[in-house]
C-alpha cells in the first residue's frame, strides 16, 4: 500500500463501500481527502457512491457537488446531482403527504 497516495485510499474506500463495510470506507475516503488536500475529484465520486449505498442522499449530493466544483466537465457529476435532486424532491413530497394525512 502507498500510504500517501490518495487514489489508493479512494479506491480502497470504494471497495469497502461495495462490500457494505461503510465505517472502513469512510475512514479510507477521509484519508484520501487528506492526502489529496481535498483536490482529487474522484474521492468525492467515491464518497457520493458510499453515501448512496447507505441511502444518505443529502450527503451524497453534497459530495457530488464538491466533485463537480473540482471537475465541471465530467458528466457523471451532473447526472448524479440531477438524479439526487429529483430523489430528494420526491422524498420531501412523500414526507409532506405523510404529515398531511
Protein backbone atom coordinates (compact mmCIF):
# COMPACT_ATOMS: atom_id res chain seq x y z
CA UNK A 1 0.00 0.00 0.00
CA UNK A 2 1.17 3.53 -0.77
CA UNK A 3 0.05 5.41 2.34
CA UNK A 4 0.41 8.88 0.79
CA UNK A 5 -1.41 8.04 -2.45
CA UNK A 6 -4.96 9.45 -2.39
CA UNK A 7 -6.04 7.29 -5.35
CA UNK A 8 -5.16 4.13 -3.44
CA UNK A 9 -7.20 5.25 -0.41
CA UNK A 10 -10.07 6.38 -2.62
CA UNK A 11 -10.23 3.06 -4.45
CA UNK A 12 -9.99 1.18 -1.16
CA UNK A 13 -12.92 3.22 0.11
CA UNK A 14 -14.95 2.28 -2.95
CA UNK A 15 -14.18 -1.42 -2.45
CA UNK A 16 -15.24 -1.20 1.20
CA UNK A 17 -18.46 0.57 0.13
CA UNK A 18 -19.28 -2.14 -2.37
CA UNK A 19 -18.79 -4.73 0.39
CA UNK A 20 -21.06 -2.83 2.78
CA UNK A 21 -18.16 -2.01 5.11
CA UNK A 22 -19.14 1.64 5.44
CA UNK A 23 -17.11 2.56 8.51
CA UNK A 24 -13.92 1.35 6.84
CA UNK A 25 -14.99 3.02 3.59
CA UNK A 26 -15.48 6.35 5.33
CA UNK A 27 -12.10 6.11 7.05
CA UNK A 28 -10.31 5.28 3.79
CA UNK A 29 -12.07 8.11 1.96
CA UNK A 30 -11.20 10.58 4.68
CA UNK A 31 -7.55 9.57 4.30
CA UNK A 32 -7.88 10.03 0.55
CA UNK A 33 -9.23 13.54 1.10
CA UNK A 34 -6.42 14.31 3.50
CA UNK A 35 -3.68 13.08 1.16
CA UNK A 36 -5.13 14.94 -1.81
CA UNK A 37 -5.73 18.11 0.23
CA UNK A 38 -9.34 17.90 -0.98
CA UNK A 39 -8.37 18.38 -4.63
CA UNK A 40 -8.99 14.88 -6.04
CA UNK A 41 -12.43 14.84 -7.61
CA UNK A 42 -12.51 11.02 -7.66
CA UNK A 43 -12.55 11.00 -3.86
CA UNK A 44 -15.84 12.90 -3.95
CA UNK A 45 -17.29 10.49 -6.51
CA UNK A 46 -16.49 7.60 -4.20
CA UNK A 47 -17.82 9.45 -1.15
CA UNK A 48 -21.05 10.07 -3.04
CA UNK A 49 -21.31 6.43 -4.02
CA UNK A 50 -20.72 5.35 -0.41
CA UNK A 51 -23.47 7.66 0.83
CA UNK A 52 -25.86 6.50 -1.89
CA UNK A 53 -25.29 2.85 -0.89
CA UNK A 54 -26.44 3.87 2.60
CA UNK A 55 -29.45 5.85 1.39
CA UNK A 56 -27.87 9.10 2.60
CA UNK A 57 -29.00 11.20 -0.33
CA UNK A 58 -28.23 14.64 1.09
CA UNK A 59 -24.64 13.66 1.91
CA UNK A 60 -24.23 12.01 -1.49
CA UNK A 61 -25.49 15.16 -3.19
CA UNK A 62 -23.01 17.31 -1.25
CA UNK A 63 -20.13 15.00 -2.24
CA UNK A 64 -21.13 15.06 -5.91
CA UNK A 65 -21.49 18.84 -5.84
CA UNK A 66 -17.94 19.15 -4.48
CA UNK A 67 -16.68 16.79 -7.18
CA UNK A 68 -18.48 18.87 -9.79
CA UNK A 69 -16.79 22.02 -8.50
CA UNK A 70 -13.43 20.33 -8.99
CA UNK A 71 -14.27 18.76 -12.36
CA UNK A 72 -17.21 20.56 -14.02
CA UNK A 73 -16.65 18.85 -17.38
CA UNK A 74 -17.28 15.33 -16.05
CA UNK A 75 -20.86 14.37 -16.89
CA UNK A 76 -21.02 11.81 -14.06
CA UNK A 77 -21.39 14.60 -11.50
CA UNK A 78 -24.05 16.50 -13.43
CA UNK A 79 -26.07 13.30 -13.89
CA UNK A 80 -25.77 12.26 -10.24
CA UNK A 81 -26.68 15.74 -9.00
CA UNK A 82 -29.79 15.88 -11.18
CA UNK A 83 -30.87 12.38 -10.15
CA UNK A 84 -30.38 13.06 -6.45
CA UNK A 85 -32.17 16.40 -6.62
CA UNK A 86 -35.16 14.58 -8.12
CA UNK A 87 -34.92 11.82 -5.50
CA UNK A 88 -34.78 14.33 -2.64
CA UNK A 89 -37.74 16.26 -4.06
CA UNK A 90 -39.76 13.03 -4.19
CA UNK A 91 -38.72 12.10 -0.65
CA UNK A 92 -39.75 15.52 0.65
CA UNK A 93 -43.04 15.34 -1.22
CA UNK A 94 -43.75 11.90 0.24
CA UNK A 95 -42.87 13.09 3.74
CA UNK A 96 -45.15 16.09 3.34
CA UNK A 97 -48.05 13.89 2.21
CA UNK A 98 -47.49 11.61 5.19
CA UNK A 99 -47.59 14.58 7.56
CA UNK A 100 -50.79 15.86 5.99
CA UNK A 101 -52.60 12.55 6.46
